[in-house]
Amino acid sequence: MKTITAQELKSKIHNKDNIQLIDVREDYEYDDANIGGVNIPLENILGSLDKIDNEKQVIFCCRTGKRSAAIIHTLERKHKLDNLYSLVGGVVGYFEMP
């Protein structure tokens, strides 16, 4: 599984790189604090495959990185997607970064 650090993601956002950011936390978690992107709760990802862009680097995030890593593992194995990255440390790590 490929990963991306908070610093790398901040750079991509700052540079307006052509990426897709998917937050797999629950709606209430996303509403409390988010770094942008689309919110698709983990339980809805497999039913929302059409929302995952196969032409972009797709970065999945959650609170600490565990849920995003789990769904990427499933998507890579079952659906042969290879453009997926998990945000190391999740949203918590992103906001703790200076």
N, C-alpha and C. Protein backbone atom coordinates (compact mmCIF):
# COMPACT_ATOMS: atom_id res chain seq x y z
N MET A 1 0.84 -1.18 0.00
CA MET A 1 0.00 0.00 0.00
C MET A 1 0.89 1.24 0.00
N LYS A 2 0.49 2.19 -0.83
CA LYS A 2 1.24 3.44 -0.91
C LYS A 2 0.70 4.43 0.13
N THR A 3 1.59 5.24 0.64
CA THR A 3 1.21 6.24 1.64
C THR A 3 1.70 7.62 1.21
N ILE A 4 1.15 8.63 1.86
CA ILE A 4 1.57 10.00 1.65
C ILE A 4 1.61 10.67 3.03
N THR A 5 2.61 11.49 3.24
CA THR A 5 2.73 12.17 4.53
C THR A 5 1.88 13.44 4.51
N ALA A 6 1.63 13.98 5.69
CA ALA A 6 0.88 15.23 5.80
C ALA A 6 1.60 16.35 5.06
N GLN A 7 2.92 16.39 5.19
CA GLN A 7 3.70 17.43 4.51
C GLN A 7 3.57 17.32 2.99
N GLU A 8 3.63 16.09 2.47
CA GLU A 8 3.48 15.88 1.02
C GLU A 8 2.09 16.31 0.55
N LEU A 9 1.06 15.97 1.34
CA LEU A 9 -0.29 16.36 0.97
C LEU A 9 -0.46 17.87 1.01
N LYS A 10 0.06 18.51 2.05
CA LYS A 10 -0.03 19.97 2.12
C LYS A 10 0.62 20.62 0.91
N SER A 11 1.73 20.08 0.47
CA SER A 11 2.41 20.60 -0.71
C SER A 11 1.55 20.42 -1.96
N LYS A 12 0.94 19.26 -2.10
CA LYS A 12 0.08 19.01 -3.26
C LYS A 12 -1.12 19.94 -3.26
N ILE A 13 -1.71 20.18 -2.10
CA ILE A 13 -2.85 21.09 -2.01
C ILE A 13 -2.40 22.51 -2.34
N HIS A 14 -1.28 22.92 -1.76
CA HIS A 14 -0.74 24.27 -2.00
C HIS A 14 -0.44 24.48 -3.50
N ASN A 15 0.12 23.45 -4.14
CA ASN A 15 0.48 23.55 -5.56
C ASN A 15 -0.69 23.30 -6.49
N LYS A 16 -1.86 23.01 -5.91
CA LYS A 16 -3.07 22.71 -6.67
C LYS A 16 -2.87 21.55 -7.64
N ASP A 17 -2.15 20.53 -7.15
CA ASP A 17 -1.94 19.32 -7.94
C ASP A 17 -3.29 18.66 -8.22
N ASN A 18 -3.36 17.92 -9.31
CA ASN A 18 -4.58 17.26 -9.74
C ASN A 18 -4.74 15.94 -8.98
N ILE A 19 -5.25 16.03 -7.74
CA ILE A 19 -5.46 14.87 -6.88
C ILE A 19 -6.92 14.79 -6.49
N GLN A 20 -7.30 13.64 -5.97
CA GLN A 20 -8.62 13.49 -5.38
C GLN A 20 -8.42 13.10 -3.93
N LEU A 21 -9.11 13.79 -3.04
CA LEU A 21 -9.03 13.51 -1.62
C LEU A 21 -10.37 12.96 -1.15
N ILE A 22 -10.35 11.77 -0.55
CA ILE A 22 -11.56 11.14 -0.05
C ILE A 22 -11.40 10.89 1.45
N ASP A 23 -12.31 11.44 2.22
CA ASP A 23 -12.33 11.30 3.67
C ASP A 23 -13.35 10.21 4.01
N VAL A 24 -12.90 9.13 4.64
CA VAL A 24 -13.77 7.98 4.90
C VAL A 24 -14.39 7.98 6.30
N ARG A 25 -14.25 9.10 7.02
CA ARG A 25 -14.84 9.18 8.35
C ARG A 25 -16.35 9.38 8.24
N GLU A 26 -17.02 9.22 9.37
CA GLU A 26 -18.47 9.46 9.42
C GLU A 26 -18.75 10.95 9.18
N ASP A 27 -19.97 11.25 8.75
CA ASP A 27 -20.35 12.63 8.45
C ASP A 27 -20.08 13.58 9.61
N TYR A 28 -20.43 13.16 10.83
CA TYR A 28 -20.24 14.05 11.98
C TYR A 28 -18.76 14.32 12.24
N GLU A 29 -17.90 13.35 11.96
CA GLU A 29 -16.46 13.56 12.12
C GLU A 29 -15.96 14.56 11.09
N TYR A 30 -16.41 14.39 9.87
CA TYR A 30 -16.03 15.28 8.78
C TYR A 30 -16.50 16.71 9.08
N ASP A 31 -17.72 16.82 9.58
CA ASP A 31 -18.28 18.14 9.90
C ASP A 31 -17.50 18.84 11.02
N ASP A 32 -16.96 18.07 11.96
CA ASP A 32 -16.19 18.64 13.06
C ASP A 32 -14.89 19.27 12.58
N ALA A 33 -14.18 18.60 11.69
CA ALA A 33 -12.91 19.10 11.15
C ALA A 33 -12.55 18.27 9.92
N ASN A 34 -12.14 18.95 8.86
CA ASN A 34 -11.73 18.24 7.66
C ASN A 34 -10.68 19.03 6.91
N ILE A 35 -10.03 18.37 5.97
CA ILE A 35 -9.02 19.03 5.16
C ILE A 35 -9.48 19.19 3.72
N GLY A 36 -10.77 19.04 3.52
CA GLY A 36 -11.34 19.19 2.18
C GLY A 36 -11.62 17.83 1.57
N GLY A 37 -11.84 17.84 0.30
CA GLY A 37 -12.14 16.60 -0.40
C GLY A 37 -13.59 16.20 -0.20
N VAL A 38 -13.90 15.04 -0.68
CA VAL A 38 -15.25 14.51 -0.60
C VAL A 38 -15.34 13.56 0.58
N ASN A 39 -16.47 13.59 1.27
CA ASN A 39 -16.70 12.70 2.40
C ASN A 39 -17.55 11.52 1.95
N ILE A 40 -16.94 10.35 1.96
CA ILE A 40 -17.66 9.10 1.69
C ILE A 40 -17.36 8.17 2.86
N PRO A 41 -18.29 8.04 3.81
CA PRO A 41 -18.04 7.18 4.96
C PRO A 41 -17.61 5.77 4.54
N LEU A 42 -16.74 5.19 5.33
CA LEU A 42 -16.15 3.89 5.02
C LEU A 42 -17.18 2.87 4.56
N GLU A 43 -18.30 2.80 5.26
CA GLU A 43 -19.32 1.79 4.93
C GLU A 43 -19.94 2.00 3.55
N ASN A 44 -19.75 3.19 2.95
CA ASN A 44 -20.33 3.49 1.64
C ASN A 44 -19.34 3.40 0.49
N ILE A 45 -18.07 3.20 0.77
CA ILE A 45 -17.05 3.22 -0.28
C ILE A 45 -17.30 2.17 -1.36
N LEU A 46 -17.53 0.94 -0.97
CA LEU A 46 -17.70 -0.11 -1.97
C LEU A 46 -18.90 0.12 -2.86
N GLY A 47 -19.89 0.84 -2.39
CA GLY A 47 -21.05 1.20 -3.21
C GLY A 47 -20.85 2.50 -3.96
N SER A 48 -19.70 3.10 -3.82
CA SER A 48 -19.41 4.39 -4.45
C SER A 48 -18.17 4.34 -5.33
N LEU A 49 -17.87 3.19 -5.88
CA LEU A 49 -16.66 3.04 -6.68
C LEU A 49 -16.63 4.00 -7.86
N ASP A 50 -17.81 4.36 -8.37
CA ASP A 50 -17.87 5.28 -9.51
C ASP A 50 -17.40 6.68 -9.14
N LYS A 51 -17.27 6.99 -7.86
CA LYS A 51 -16.82 8.30 -7.41
C LYS A 51 -15.30 8.37 -7.26
N ILE A 52 -14.62 7.23 -7.41
CA ILE A 52 -13.16 7.19 -7.29
C ILE A 52 -12.57 7.41 -8.68
N ASP A 53 -11.78 8.45 -8.83
CA ASP A 53 -11.19 8.82 -10.11
C ASP A 53 -9.98 7.94 -10.42
N ASN A 54 -10.06 7.19 -11.49
CA ASN A 54 -8.97 6.30 -11.87
C ASN A 54 -7.82 7.02 -12.57
N GLU A 55 -8.03 8.29 -12.91
CA GLU A 55 -7.03 9.05 -13.64
C GLU A 55 -6.18 9.94 -12.74
N LYS A 56 -6.48 10.00 -11.46
CA LYS A 56 -5.78 10.87 -10.53
C LYS A 56 -5.15 10.07 -9.40
N GLN A 57 -4.24 10.70 -8.71
CA GLN A 57 -3.73 10.15 -7.46
C GLN A 57 -4.86 10.37 -6.44
N VAL A 58 -5.36 9.28 -5.86
CA VAL A 58 -6.48 9.36 -4.93
C VAL A 58 -5.94 9.13 -3.52
N ILE A 59 -6.16 10.11 -2.67
CA ILE A 59 -5.66 10.06 -1.31
C ILE A 59 -6.83 9.86 -0.36
N PHE A 60 -6.78 8.77 0.39
CA PHE A 60 -7.80 8.47 1.38
C PHE A 60 -7.32 8.92 2.75
N CYS A 61 -8.23 9.51 3.51
CA CYS A 61 -7.87 9.90 4.87
C CYS A 61 -8.99 9.55 5.82
N CYS A 62 -8.61 9.43 7.08
CA CYS A 62 -9.55 9.19 8.17
C CYS A 62 -8.96 9.87 9.39
N ARG A 63 -9.36 9.49 10.56
CA ARG A 63 -8.86 10.17 11.77
C ARG A 63 -7.36 9.94 11.98
N THR A 64 -6.93 8.67 11.97
CA THR A 64 -5.51 8.38 12.25
C THR A 64 -4.81 7.58 11.15
N GLY A 65 -5.54 7.13 10.16
CA GLY A 65 -4.95 6.38 9.06
C GLY A 65 -5.32 4.91 9.01
N LYS A 66 -5.97 4.40 10.04
CA LYS A 66 -6.30 2.97 10.08
C LYS A 66 -7.44 2.61 9.13
N ARG A 67 -8.51 3.39 9.13
CA ARG A 67 -9.64 3.09 8.25
C ARG A 67 -9.26 3.27 6.78
N SER A 68 -8.51 4.32 6.50
CA SER A 68 -8.12 4.55 5.11
C SER A 68 -7.21 3.42 4.62
N ALA A 69 -6.30 2.95 5.45
CA ALA A 69 -5.43 1.84 5.07
C ALA A 69 -6.25 0.58 4.82
N ALA A 70 -7.23 0.34 5.65
CA ALA A 70 -8.06 -0.87 5.52
C ALA A 70 -8.84 -0.87 4.21
N ILE A 71 -9.45 0.26 3.86
CA ILE A 71 -10.24 0.29 2.63
C ILE A 71 -9.35 0.25 1.40
N ILE A 72 -8.18 0.85 1.48
CA ILE A 72 -7.26 0.78 0.34
C ILE A 72 -6.84 -0.67 0.10
N HIS A 73 -6.56 -1.38 1.17
CA HIS A 73 -6.19 -2.79 1.04
C HIS A 73 -7.29 -3.55 0.29
N THR A 74 -8.53 -3.32 0.66
CA THR A 74 -9.66 -3.99 0.01
C THR A 74 -9.78 -3.57 -1.46
N LEU A 75 -9.69 -2.27 -1.72
CA LEU A 75 -9.84 -1.78 -3.10
C LEU A 75 -8.71 -2.27 -4.01
N GLU A 76 -7.52 -2.34 -3.48
CA GLU A 76 -6.40 -2.84 -4.28
C GLU A 76 -6.56 -4.33 -4.57
N ARG A 77 -6.97 -5.06 -3.59
CA ARG A 77 -7.09 -6.52 -3.73
C ARG A 77 -8.29 -6.92 -4.58
N LYS A 78 -9.45 -6.37 -4.27
CA LYS A 78 -10.68 -6.81 -4.94
C LYS A 78 -10.96 -6.08 -6.25
N HIS A 79 -10.50 -4.84 -6.36
CA HIS A 79 -10.85 -4.05 -7.54
C HIS A 79 -9.64 -3.62 -8.36
N LYS A 80 -8.47 -4.09 -7.97
CA LYS A 80 -7.22 -3.87 -8.72
C LYS A 80 -6.90 -2.40 -8.96
N LEU A 81 -7.29 -1.54 -8.03
CA LEU A 81 -6.96 -0.12 -8.15
C LEU A 81 -5.53 0.09 -7.66
N ASP A 82 -4.77 0.89 -8.39
CA ASP A 82 -3.36 1.07 -8.02
C ASP A 82 -2.95 2.54 -7.90
N ASN A 83 -3.91 3.42 -7.83
CA ASN A 83 -3.62 4.86 -7.73
C ASN A 83 -4.04 5.42 -6.37
N LEU A 84 -4.07 4.57 -5.35
CA LEU A 84 -4.59 4.95 -4.04
C LEU A 84 -3.46 5.14 -3.02
N TYR A 85 -3.61 6.15 -2.18
CA TYR A 85 -2.63 6.48 -1.14
C TYR A 85 -3.37 6.72 0.17
N SER A 86 -2.76 6.30 1.26
CA SER A 86 -3.32 6.54 2.58
C SER A 86 -2.53 7.65 3.25
N LEU A 87 -3.24 8.60 3.85
CA LEU A 87 -2.59 9.70 4.56
C LEU A 87 -2.05 9.19 5.89
N VAL A 88 -0.74 9.19 6.03
CA VAL A 88 -0.08 8.74 7.25
C VAL A 88 -0.47 9.66 8.41
N GLY A 89 -0.97 9.07 9.49
CA GLY A 89 -1.37 9.84 10.66
C GLY A 89 -2.75 10.45 10.54
N GLY A 90 -3.39 10.31 9.39
CA GLY A 90 -4.74 10.81 9.19
C GLY A 90 -4.90 12.30 9.38
N VAL A 91 -6.13 12.70 9.59
CA VAL A 91 -6.46 14.10 9.78
C VAL A 91 -5.80 14.65 11.05
N VAL A 92 -5.71 13.82 12.07
CA VAL A 92 -5.05 14.24 13.31
C VAL A 92 -3.61 14.66 13.01
N GLY A 93 -2.89 13.82 12.29
CA GLY A 93 -1.51 14.14 11.95
C GLY A 93 -1.39 15.35 11.05
N TYR A 94 -2.36 15.53 10.19
CA TYR A 94 -2.34 16.67 9.28
C TYR A 94 -2.45 17.98 10.05
N PHE A 95 -3.37 18.03 11.01
CA PHE A 95 -3.56 19.26 11.76
C PHE A 95 -2.47 19.49 12.81
N GLU A 96 -1.78 18.43 13.22
CA GLU A 96 -0.69 18.60 14.17
C GLU A 96 0.59 19.09 13.50
N MET A 97 0.64 19.00 12.19
CA MET A 97 1.83 19.39 11.42
C MET A 97 1.94 20.92 11.41
N PRO A 98 3.13 21.45 11.63
CA PRO A 98 3.29 22.92 11.60
C PRO A 98 3.11 23.50 10.20
